[in-house]
Amino acid sequence: MPDPSTVARLIIVDPDPDFLNWAAGHLKAPGVEILAFERAEEAFVAFQKAKADLVLAEVRQAGGTGIELLKKLRQTDPNSMVILFSANSTTSQVIDAMRLGAYDVLPKEKLQYELRTVVESALSAVEVRRTTRAQVTQPPTESIQETIIGRSSAMQEVFKLIGRVSRSDAPVMITGESGCGKELVAGAIHKFSPRATKEFVAINITAIPDNLLESELFGHEKGSFTGAVVQRVGRFEQCDGGTLFLDEIGDMPLPVQSKLLRVLQEGDFSRVGSNQTLRSDVRVLAATNKNLEEEVAAGRFREDLFYRLNVVRLHIPPLRHRREDVRLLAEFFLGRQSARRRGPAMRFTEDALVLMEAYDWPGNVRELENTIQRACALCNSDVLMPSDIPLGSTGNRHANPASTITRMRDALTSLMHIAESSPDIELLPWVEKELTRLALRHFHEDAERTAKFLGVAESTLTPPARLPSAKKASKKSA
């Protein structure tokens, strides 16, 4: 429950007076003021007058529903914190409640075990959001119109190289992991080049079937193959005078590689099914997340085409190697999402930003952008906290704090049951050492970040070399 020096005001509404008495007693704590009502209308009036921090309401109400009360509360205050409960809520009611912004929906039969934990979590969220709104934060200096941003030294070098290569027509090979922004870099090269007034066309090689790729690039004549019912202009004709970006060039079939090589060497080509030679002035930028030197050695990529494309090599470092950009990018993407939705501007708590900075982002910038978009779609407030940031492939790594606590308790209970079969094991010292070892490994032996994550002083961390592994601990207990 909250600090006794502050007062948290709760409103509970339920048509059953016996339940109201039980709930008020169950949630009674220093610094908590509880107002109980049997009718939703009375609770709504009290909410407007008392500026309550949290409303708990039964779904079924006399003369209305908890869903209707939730809707009125959220219309009055889009950040109002509401928990609904019911003995027999339907699936549609649960979905509707969460859609309207409820903090949680609980089965009434589980309130004895879960209500206090969920209420504590909700009140903590209220306090964090109140503190965050009171802070004066500088908005990102980058305009939402920018295409590529970053302040790390690694990205500054990328920007410098973009500036240099944009002055020429030399082919550029852009390398980097999937999702790190290769197309954005190609677009920036075009944007700052003399060709900026002409077309920029991007093609993902893997998205086009092999038998259609040649036609996509060079066009075809009517009747040249089954399905060619009209003449088609290819991409090289389309962006004459402009820039053509070929993403995932390492997956291009060998026959098409030969024709691409001729265009790069001679500047001419023919449509599929035509003997007419066409010319096109196109700057080619290519990108890949493969090691093209290995592809050449394996015979899957033409060596002469590789050297023709690899005139300038521009490598984009993965996001985990430039963590100082995570905060800037997260605020940039959040600003863009805020601009697209109605309501107050959204912001992160400091803990949410620290959480994102600690994550490795295997999907790079694309994963970060998708995570922010998903967080904005699922949040019920204008302040995003760590519990709102869905990290990992499942998108549920940081779900509702109350359910997270429940899962942690379940895991500890299971561990205790296992340890009971080995009475000689010293469970608490082993858990402390093993958790410290795993945390140090997760944060790449960074003692400062590990200590902050564990909530301990850095000086208390045992050097990882002295920590026993789980396997050794098991042998010892045996």
Protein backbone atom coordinates (compact mmCIF):
# COMPACT_ATOMS: atom_id res chain seq x y z
CA MET A 1 0.00 0.00 0.00
CA PRO A 2 1.13 3.61 -0.42
CA ASP A 3 3.30 5.72 1.87
CA PRO A 4 1.31 6.62 5.01
CA SER A 5 2.33 10.26 4.53
CA THR A 6 0.13 10.37 1.44
CA VAL A 7 -3.55 9.48 1.13
CA ALA A 8 -4.80 7.11 -1.56
CA ARG A 9 -8.55 7.40 -2.11
CA LEU A 10 -10.40 4.24 -3.21
CA ILE A 11 -14.02 3.97 -4.28
CA ILE A 12 -15.71 0.56 -4.07
CA VAL A 13 -19.13 0.03 -5.62
CA ASP A 14 -21.15 -3.17 -5.27
CA PRO A 15 -24.88 -3.80 -4.68
CA ASP A 16 -24.06 -6.24 -1.85
CA PRO A 17 -23.42 -4.39 1.48
CA ASP A 18 -21.80 -7.49 3.00
CA PHE A 19 -19.22 -7.55 0.22
CA LEU A 20 -18.56 -3.82 0.66
CA ASN A 21 -17.83 -4.40 4.36
CA TRP A 22 -15.49 -7.27 3.56
CA ALA A 23 -13.63 -5.36 0.81
CA ALA A 24 -13.23 -2.25 2.98
CA GLY A 25 -11.77 -4.34 5.79
CA HIS A 26 -9.58 -6.37 3.43
CA LEU A 27 -8.04 -3.25 1.85
CA LYS A 28 -7.80 -1.19 5.02
CA ALA A 29 -4.29 0.20 5.44
CA PRO A 30 -2.50 3.34 6.66
CA GLY A 31 -2.75 6.11 4.11
CA VAL A 32 -5.78 4.58 2.37
CA GLU A 33 -9.23 6.19 2.44
CA ILE A 34 -12.07 3.94 1.28
CA LEU A 35 -15.49 5.15 0.11
CA ALA A 36 -18.11 2.42 -0.39
CA PHE A 37 -21.32 2.71 -2.43
CA GLU A 38 -24.11 0.36 -3.44
CA ARG A 39 -25.07 2.26 -6.61
CA ALA A 40 -22.92 3.25 -9.59
CA GLU A 41 -24.52 6.72 -9.81
CA GLU A 42 -23.43 7.55 -6.26
CA ALA A 43 -19.91 6.26 -6.96
CA PHE A 44 -19.64 8.41 -10.09
CA VAL A 45 -20.68 11.57 -8.23
CA ALA A 46 -18.17 10.78 -5.47
CA PHE A 47 -15.44 10.21 -8.08
CA GLN A 48 -16.04 13.66 -9.54
CA LYS A 49 -15.97 15.34 -6.13
CA ALA A 50 -13.27 13.32 -4.39
CA LYS A 51 -10.81 12.83 -7.26
CA ALA A 52 -10.38 9.18 -6.35
CA ASP A 53 -7.17 7.36 -7.28
CA LEU A 54 -8.83 4.01 -7.92
CA VAL A 55 -12.35 2.71 -8.51
CA LEU A 56 -13.31 -0.93 -7.90
CA ALA A 57 -16.70 -1.92 -9.30
CA GLU A 58 -18.87 -5.00 -9.69
CA VAL A 59 -19.77 -5.61 -13.34
CA ARG A 60 -23.43 -6.17 -12.45
CA GLN A 61 -24.99 -3.05 -10.96
CA ALA A 62 -28.52 -2.01 -10.06
CA GLY A 63 -29.80 0.27 -12.81
CA GLY A 64 -26.71 -0.18 -14.98
CA THR A 65 -23.45 -2.07 -15.35
CA GLY A 66 -19.87 -1.70 -14.24
CA ILE A 67 -18.97 -1.43 -17.93
CA GLU A 68 -21.16 1.65 -18.26
CA LEU A 69 -19.58 3.15 -15.14
CA LEU A 70 -16.13 2.42 -16.54
CA LYS A 71 -17.01 4.19 -19.77
CA LYS A 72 -18.27 7.29 -17.92
CA LEU A 73 -15.19 7.38 -15.69
CA ARG A 74 -12.80 7.14 -18.65
CA GLN A 75 -14.71 9.83 -20.53
CA THR A 76 -14.41 12.10 -17.49
CA ASP A 77 -10.71 11.27 -16.98
CA PRO A 78 -8.90 9.23 -19.71
CA ASN A 79 -6.30 8.20 -17.11
CA SER A 80 -8.75 7.03 -14.43
CA MET A 81 -7.77 3.72 -12.84
CA VAL A 82 -10.62 1.19 -12.70
CA ILE A 83 -10.70 -2.46 -11.63
CA LEU A 84 -13.81 -4.50 -12.39
CA PHE A 85 -14.82 -7.79 -10.78
CA SER A 86 -17.71 -10.20 -11.20
CA ALA A 87 -18.85 -13.62 -10.07
CA ASN A 88 -19.74 -14.62 -13.63
CA SER A 89 -18.48 -12.10 -16.16
CA THR A 90 -18.77 -13.12 -19.81
CA THR A 91 -15.94 -13.18 -22.33
CA SER A 92 -17.39 -10.17 -24.16
CA GLN A 93 -17.58 -8.20 -20.90
CA VAL A 94 -13.91 -8.86 -20.15
CA ILE A 95 -12.90 -7.87 -23.68
CA ASP A 96 -15.10 -4.78 -23.59
CA ALA A 97 -13.73 -3.72 -20.22
CA MET A 98 -10.12 -3.98 -21.34
CA ARG A 99 -10.97 -2.21 -24.59
CA LEU A 100 -12.40 0.70 -22.61
CA GLY A 101 -9.26 0.95 -20.48
CA ALA A 102 -9.88 -1.11 -17.33
CA TYR A 103 -6.72 -1.83 -15.36
CA ASP A 104 -7.84 -5.40 -14.69
CA VAL A 105 -10.93 -7.63 -14.56
CA LEU A 106 -10.99 -10.15 -11.71
CA PRO A 107 -13.21 -13.14 -10.92
CA LYS A 108 -15.01 -12.45 -7.66
CA GLU A 109 -14.16 -15.86 -6.21
CA LYS A 110 -10.44 -15.01 -6.42
CA LEU A 111 -10.59 -11.58 -4.81
CA GLN A 112 -9.57 -12.96 -1.42
CA TYR A 113 -6.22 -14.00 -2.91
CA GLU A 114 -5.65 -11.46 -5.69
CA LEU A 115 -7.45 -8.20 -4.85
CA ARG A 116 -4.89 -6.70 -2.51
CA THR A 117 -1.99 -7.45 -4.86
CA VAL A 118 -3.78 -5.94 -7.85
CA VAL A 119 -4.83 -2.86 -5.85
CA GLU A 120 -1.25 -2.31 -4.64
CA SER A 121 -0.01 -2.60 -8.21
CA ALA A 122 -2.67 -0.15 -9.46
CA LEU A 123 -1.90 2.41 -6.74
CA SER A 124 1.80 2.14 -7.50
CA ALA A 125 1.02 2.82 -11.15
CA VAL A 126 -1.07 5.85 -10.16
CA GLU A 127 1.81 7.28 -8.14
CA VAL A 128 4.35 6.68 -10.92
CA ARG A 129 2.11 8.31 -13.51
CA ARG A 130 1.41 11.27 -11.23
CA THR A 131 5.14 11.78 -10.66
CA THR A 132 5.94 11.39 -14.35
CA ARG A 133 3.34 13.96 -15.38
CA ALA A 134 4.78 16.42 -12.87
CA GLN A 135 8.23 16.15 -14.41
CA VAL A 136 9.19 18.69 -17.05
CA THR A 137 10.74 16.77 -19.92
CA GLN A 138 12.32 18.12 -23.08
CA PRO A 139 10.72 16.66 -26.21
CA PRO A 140 13.05 15.01 -28.70
CA THR A 141 14.79 17.58 -30.87
CA GLU A 142 14.36 15.41 -33.94
CA SER A 143 11.30 16.20 -36.02
CA ILE A 144 8.90 13.36 -36.67
CA GLN A 145 9.60 14.07 -40.34
CA GLU A 146 13.17 12.75 -39.96
CA THR A 147 13.79 9.40 -41.57
CA ILE A 148 16.87 8.19 -39.68
CA ILE A 149 18.13 9.30 -36.28
CA GLY A 150 20.83 8.46 -33.76
CA ARG A 151 23.39 10.17 -31.55
CA SER A 152 25.80 7.31 -30.89
CA SER A 153 29.31 7.60 -32.27
CA ALA A 154 28.67 4.58 -34.49
CA MET A 155 25.63 6.20 -36.12
CA GLN A 156 27.44 9.53 -36.44
CA GLU A 157 30.01 7.73 -38.58
CA VAL A 158 27.18 6.25 -40.65
CA PHE A 159 25.73 9.74 -41.19
CA LYS A 160 29.13 11.07 -42.25
CA LEU A 161 29.53 8.27 -44.79
CA ILE A 162 26.02 8.90 -46.11
CA GLY A 163 27.00 12.52 -46.68
CA ARG A 164 30.12 11.54 -48.59
CA VAL A 165 28.61 8.87 -50.83
CA SER A 166 25.51 10.95 -51.61
CA ARG A 167 27.66 13.29 -53.69
CA SER A 168 28.58 10.59 -56.21
CA ASP A 169 26.83 7.94 -58.31
CA ALA A 170 28.94 5.07 -56.99
CA PRO A 171 27.06 1.88 -56.07
CA VAL A 172 26.80 1.32 -52.31
CA MET A 173 26.52 -2.00 -50.50
CA ILE A 174 24.62 -1.53 -47.22
CA THR A 175 25.09 -4.33 -44.71
CA GLY A 176 23.60 -5.03 -41.30
CA GLU A 177 21.24 -7.30 -39.42
CA SER A 178 17.58 -7.52 -40.30
CA GLY A 179 15.58 -4.58 -38.97
CA CYS A 180 18.50 -2.19 -38.46
CA GLY A 181 17.25 0.34 -41.05
CA LYS A 182 19.03 -0.45 -44.31
CA GLU A 183 16.20 0.93 -46.46
CA LEU A 184 16.15 4.13 -44.39
CA VAL A 185 19.87 4.58 -45.02
CA ALA A 186 19.36 4.00 -48.74
CA GLY A 187 16.55 6.56 -48.71
CA ALA A 188 18.81 9.07 -46.95
CA ILE A 189 21.54 8.59 -49.57
CA HIS A 190 18.98 9.33 -52.28
CA LYS A 191 17.45 12.26 -50.38
CA PHE A 192 20.78 14.10 -50.14
CA SER A 193 22.01 13.21 -53.64
CA PRO A 194 21.63 15.21 -56.89
CA ARG A 195 19.03 12.58 -57.88
CA ALA A 196 16.66 13.60 -55.06
CA THR A 197 14.13 15.13 -57.47
CA LYS A 198 13.77 11.80 -59.30
CA GLU A 199 12.21 8.55 -58.11
CA PHE A 200 13.52 6.34 -55.34
CA VAL A 201 12.30 2.76 -55.83
CA ALA A 202 12.89 0.02 -53.25
CA ILE A 203 12.54 -3.68 -54.07
CA ASN A 204 12.79 -6.58 -51.65
CA ILE A 205 14.24 -9.44 -53.70
CA THR A 206 12.83 -12.12 -51.39
CA ALA A 207 9.28 -10.78 -51.80
CA ILE A 208 9.20 -11.45 -55.56
CA PRO A 209 9.05 -14.99 -57.04
CA ASP A 210 12.21 -15.92 -58.96
CA ASN A 211 10.31 -16.35 -62.25
CA LEU A 212 8.89 -12.82 -62.00
CA LEU A 213 11.96 -10.95 -60.73
CA GLU A 214 13.44 -10.33 -64.18
CA SER A 215 10.15 -8.86 -65.39
CA GLU A 216 9.90 -6.74 -62.23
CA LEU A 217 13.32 -5.21 -62.85
CA PHE A 218 13.42 -4.92 -66.63
CA GLY A 219 9.79 -5.13 -67.75
CA HIS A 220 8.23 -7.43 -70.36
CA GLU A 221 6.42 -7.36 -73.70
CA LYS A 222 2.84 -8.43 -74.18
CA GLY A 223 2.62 -12.19 -74.75
CA SER A 224 6.23 -12.84 -73.71
CA PHE A 225 5.06 -15.45 -71.19
CA THR A 226 1.83 -16.86 -69.79
CA GLY A 227 -0.02 -14.08 -68.02
CA ALA A 228 1.76 -11.23 -69.81
CA VAL A 229 -1.42 -9.73 -71.24
CA VAL A 230 0.00 -6.19 -71.54
CA GLN A 231 3.38 -4.55 -71.92
CA ARG A 232 4.98 -3.72 -68.57
CA VAL A 233 7.60 -1.12 -67.76
CA GLY A 234 10.28 -2.40 -65.38
CA ARG A 235 11.81 -0.66 -62.39
CA PHE A 236 14.92 0.41 -64.27
CA GLU A 237 12.77 2.34 -66.73
CA GLN A 238 10.54 3.68 -63.98
CA CYS A 239 13.32 5.33 -61.98
CA ASP A 240 15.45 6.60 -64.87
CA GLY A 241 17.57 9.40 -63.40
CA GLY A 242 16.78 8.24 -59.86
CA THR A 243 17.86 5.54 -57.42
CA LEU A 244 17.00 1.84 -57.28
CA PHE A 245 17.42 0.08 -53.94
CA LEU A 246 17.73 -3.71 -54.08
CA ASP A 247 17.16 -5.16 -50.63
CA GLU A 248 18.30 -8.72 -49.81
CA ILE A 249 20.49 -8.78 -52.93
CA GLY A 250 22.13 -11.97 -51.67
CA ASP A 251 18.95 -13.90 -52.56
CA MET A 252 18.90 -12.84 -56.23
CA PRO A 253 18.88 -15.83 -58.65
CA LEU A 254 22.04 -16.28 -60.73
CA PRO A 255 20.35 -15.73 -64.14
CA VAL A 256 19.02 -12.34 -63.00
CA GLN A 257 22.43 -11.49 -61.53
CA SER A 258 23.91 -11.77 -65.03
CA LYS A 259 21.43 -9.31 -66.50
CA LEU A 260 21.88 -6.91 -63.57
CA LEU A 261 25.65 -7.01 -64.10
CA ARG A 262 25.19 -5.93 -67.74
CA VAL A 263 23.07 -2.96 -66.70
CA LEU A 264 25.69 -1.86 -64.19
CA GLN A 265 28.51 -2.25 -66.73
CA GLU A 266 26.88 -0.97 -69.93
CA GLY A 267 23.78 0.89 -68.77
CA ASP A 268 21.50 -0.97 -71.19
CA PHE A 269 19.00 -3.83 -70.97
CA SER A 270 16.04 -5.41 -72.77
CA ARG A 271 12.53 -6.18 -71.64
CA VAL A 272 11.60 -9.85 -71.36
CA GLY A 273 10.47 -11.00 -74.81
CA SER A 274 11.99 -8.00 -76.65
CA ASN A 275 15.05 -7.50 -78.85
CA GLN A 276 15.02 -3.76 -78.36
CA THR A 277 17.87 -2.36 -76.28
CA LEU A 278 16.91 0.27 -73.75
CA ARG A 279 19.12 2.58 -71.71
CA SER A 280 18.54 3.88 -68.22
CA ASP A 281 20.56 6.13 -65.91
CA VAL A 282 19.95 4.58 -62.51
CA ARG A 283 22.05 4.57 -59.36
CA VAL A 284 21.89 1.15 -57.70
CA LEU A 285 22.08 0.72 -53.94
CA ALA A 286 22.04 -2.82 -52.56
CA ALA A 287 21.58 -4.28 -49.09
CA THR A 288 21.98 -7.67 -47.48
CA ASN A 289 22.19 -9.32 -44.08
CA LYS A 290 24.19 -12.18 -45.59
CA ASN A 291 27.96 -12.49 -45.85
CA LEU A 292 28.35 -12.00 -49.59
CA GLU A 293 32.00 -13.06 -49.53
CA GLU A 294 30.82 -16.47 -48.29
CA GLU A 295 28.04 -16.52 -50.90
CA VAL A 296 30.63 -15.84 -53.63
CA ALA A 297 32.90 -18.60 -52.33
CA ALA A 298 29.93 -21.02 -52.32
CA GLY A 299 29.08 -20.10 -55.93
CA ARG A 300 25.70 -18.61 -55.05
CA PHE A 301 26.64 -15.05 -55.95
CA ARG A 302 28.64 -13.81 -58.94
CA GLU A 303 32.06 -12.50 -57.97
CA ASP A 304 32.09 -9.86 -60.72
CA LEU A 305 28.68 -8.56 -59.65
CA PHE A 306 29.83 -8.45 -56.02
CA TYR A 307 32.78 -6.21 -56.87
CA ARG A 308 30.59 -4.05 -59.10
CA LEU A 309 28.09 -3.47 -56.25
CA ASN A 310 30.62 -3.31 -53.42
CA VAL A 311 32.29 -0.06 -54.50
CA VAL A 312 31.40 1.53 -51.15
CA ARG A 313 30.57 -0.60 -48.11
CA LEU A 314 28.35 0.97 -45.44
CA HIS A 315 27.68 -1.13 -42.35
CA ILE A 316 24.88 -0.33 -39.89
CA PRO A 317 25.65 -1.56 -36.35
CA PRO A 318 22.92 -3.49 -34.51
CA LEU A 319 20.93 -1.61 -31.88
CA ARG A 320 22.47 -3.61 -29.02
CA HIS A 321 25.86 -2.11 -29.94
CA ARG A 322 24.54 1.46 -29.71
CA ARG A 323 22.30 1.39 -26.64
CA GLU A 324 22.61 5.15 -26.21
CA ASP A 325 20.31 5.47 -29.24
CA VAL A 326 17.51 3.37 -27.70
CA ARG A 327 16.12 6.21 -25.57
CA LEU A 328 16.20 8.67 -28.46
CA LEU A 329 14.56 6.22 -30.87
CA ALA A 330 11.92 5.17 -28.33
CA GLU A 331 10.91 8.80 -27.67
CA PHE A 332 10.93 9.48 -31.41
CA PHE A 333 8.59 6.56 -32.15
CA LEU A 334 6.37 7.46 -29.19
CA GLY A 335 6.11 11.03 -30.45
CA ARG A 336 5.06 9.75 -33.84
CA GLN A 337 2.41 7.48 -32.30
CA SER A 338 1.14 10.35 -30.12
CA ALA A 339 0.75 12.53 -33.21
CA ARG A 340 -1.48 9.88 -34.79
CA ARG A 341 -3.86 9.44 -31.88
CA ARG A 342 -6.28 11.77 -30.16
CA GLY A 343 -5.67 12.77 -26.59
CA PRO A 344 -2.76 14.02 -24.50
CA ALA A 345 0.85 13.49 -25.53
CA MET A 346 2.27 10.20 -24.30
CA ARG A 347 5.47 9.77 -22.35
CA PHE A 348 7.65 7.09 -20.73
CA THR A 349 8.56 6.68 -17.10
CA GLU A 350 12.29 6.60 -16.45
CA ASP A 351 12.05 2.92 -15.46
CA ALA A 352 10.46 2.09 -18.81
CA LEU A 353 13.32 3.76 -20.67
CA VAL A 354 15.91 1.98 -18.52
CA LEU A 355 14.15 -1.32 -19.22
CA MET A 356 14.33 -0.74 -22.99
CA GLU A 357 17.97 0.31 -22.81
CA ALA A 358 18.83 -2.98 -21.05
CA TYR A 359 17.08 -5.15 -23.67
CA ASP A 360 19.18 -6.56 -26.54
CA TRP A 361 16.64 -5.89 -29.35
CA PRO A 362 17.39 -8.89 -31.61
CA GLY A 363 14.99 -7.39 -34.17
CA ASN A 364 16.83 -4.06 -33.97
CA VAL A 365 15.11 -0.74 -34.73
CA ARG A 366 12.15 -2.45 -36.42
CA GLU A 367 11.43 -4.44 -33.24
CA LEU A 368 11.70 -1.27 -31.14
CA GLU A 369 9.25 0.59 -33.36
CA ASN A 370 6.79 -2.32 -33.33
CA THR A 371 7.12 -2.60 -29.54
CA ILE A 372 6.27 1.08 -29.06
CA GLN A 373 3.33 0.79 -31.43
CA ARG A 374 2.04 -2.28 -29.58
CA ALA A 375 2.50 -0.56 -26.20
CA CYS A 376 0.50 2.46 -27.38
CA ALA A 377 -2.25 0.20 -28.68
CA LEU A 378 -2.58 -1.72 -25.38
CA CYS A 379 -1.97 0.96 -22.75
CA ASN A 380 -4.78 2.61 -20.79
CA SER A 381 -2.94 5.79 -19.81
CA ASP A 382 -0.79 8.50 -21.37
CA VAL A 383 2.20 7.32 -19.32
CA LEU A 384 3.97 4.12 -20.36
CA MET A 385 5.52 2.14 -17.52
CA PRO A 386 7.70 -1.00 -17.64
CA SER A 387 4.58 -3.17 -17.38
CA ASP A 388 3.30 -1.55 -20.61
CA ILE A 389 6.41 -2.45 -22.65
CA PRO A 390 5.91 -5.90 -24.26
CA LEU A 391 9.46 -7.15 -24.78
CA GLY A 392 10.35 -10.45 -26.42
CA SER A 393 8.85 -12.47 -29.25
CA THR A 394 5.60 -13.19 -27.43
CA GLY A 395 4.94 -9.56 -26.59
CA ASN A 396 3.99 -10.59 -23.03
CA ARG A 397 7.26 -10.47 -21.19
CA HIS A 398 6.03 -7.52 -19.12
CA ALA A 399 2.34 -8.12 -18.63
CA ASN A 400 0.10 -6.94 -15.81
CA PRO A 401 2.30 -6.47 -12.69
CA ALA A 402 -0.11 -8.45 -10.53
CA SER A 403 -0.06 -11.46 -12.86
CA THR A 404 3.74 -11.18 -13.07
CA ILE A 405 3.99 -11.31 -9.26
CA THR A 406 1.66 -14.30 -9.20
CA ARG A 407 3.83 -16.18 -11.73
CA MET A 408 6.96 -15.37 -9.74
CA ARG A 409 5.35 -16.68 -6.56
CA ASP A 410 4.25 -19.84 -8.38
CA ALA A 411 7.83 -20.37 -9.60
CA LEU A 412 9.23 -19.91 -6.08
CA THR A 413 6.63 -22.30 -4.67
CA SER A 414 7.65 -24.93 -7.23
CA LEU A 415 11.30 -24.39 -6.35
CA MET A 416 10.54 -24.90 -2.65
CA HIS A 417 8.74 -28.17 -3.37
CA ILE A 418 11.74 -29.39 -5.39
CA ALA A 419 14.16 -28.33 -2.66
CA GLU A 420 12.19 -30.28 -0.03
CA SER A 421 13.43 -33.50 -1.63
CA SER A 422 17.05 -32.34 -1.05
CA PRO A 423 17.13 -31.28 2.63
CA ASP A 424 20.90 -30.64 2.54
CA ILE A 425 20.67 -27.83 -0.02
CA GLU A 426 20.97 -24.29 1.29
CA LEU A 427 18.21 -22.84 -0.88
CA LEU A 428 18.42 -19.10 -0.15
CA PRO A 429 22.20 -18.72 -0.63
CA TRP A 430 22.02 -20.78 -3.82
CA VAL A 431 19.14 -18.71 -5.25
CA GLU A 432 21.01 -15.46 -4.49
CA LYS A 433 24.22 -16.68 -6.13
CA GLU A 434 22.49 -18.22 -9.14
CA LEU A 435 20.35 -15.11 -9.76
CA THR A 436 23.42 -12.89 -9.51
CA ARG A 437 25.34 -15.10 -11.94
CA LEU A 438 22.50 -15.10 -14.47
CA ALA A 439 22.02 -11.35 -14.17
CA LEU A 440 25.73 -10.68 -14.72
CA ARG A 441 25.67 -12.86 -17.82
CA HIS A 442 22.53 -11.12 -19.10
CA PHE A 443 24.13 -7.68 -18.71
CA HIS A 444 27.48 -8.83 -20.19
CA GLU A 445 29.32 -8.64 -16.84
CA ASP A 446 28.33 -4.98 -16.37
CA ALA A 447 28.33 -4.78 -12.58
CA GLU A 448 26.65 -1.35 -12.40
CA ARG A 449 23.64 -2.36 -14.52
CA THR A 450 23.43 -5.75 -12.78
CA ALA A 451 23.33 -4.13 -9.34
CA LYS A 452 20.63 -1.69 -10.47
CA PHE A 453 18.56 -4.55 -11.90
CA LEU A 454 18.85 -6.63 -8.70
CA GLY A 455 18.33 -3.63 -6.43
CA VAL A 456 21.58 -4.12 -4.50
CA ALA A 457 24.78 -2.16 -4.00
CA GLU A 458 27.42 -2.83 -6.62
CA SER A 459 29.95 -3.66 -3.89
CA THR A 460 27.81 -6.62 -2.74
CA LEU A 461 28.07 -8.47 -6.03
CA THR A 462 30.11 -11.64 -5.83
CA PRO A 463 32.59 -11.97 -8.73
CA PRO A 464 31.01 -14.30 -11.32
CA ALA A 465 34.02 -16.63 -11.32
CA ARG A 466 33.23 -17.57 -7.70
CA LEU A 467 29.57 -18.32 -8.25
CA PRO A 468 28.63 -22.01 -8.51
CA SER A 469 26.57 -23.09 -11.47
CA ALA A 470 23.18 -24.75 -11.05
CA LYS A 471 24.73 -28.09 -12.00
CA LYS A 472 27.40 -27.80 -9.31
CA ALA A 473 24.85 -26.76 -6.73
CA SER A 474 22.74 -29.81 -7.57
CA LYS A 475 25.75 -32.14 -7.18
CA LYS A 476 26.56 -30.53 -3.85
CA SER A 477 23.02 -31.06 -2.60
CA ALA A 478 23.12 -34.67 -3.78
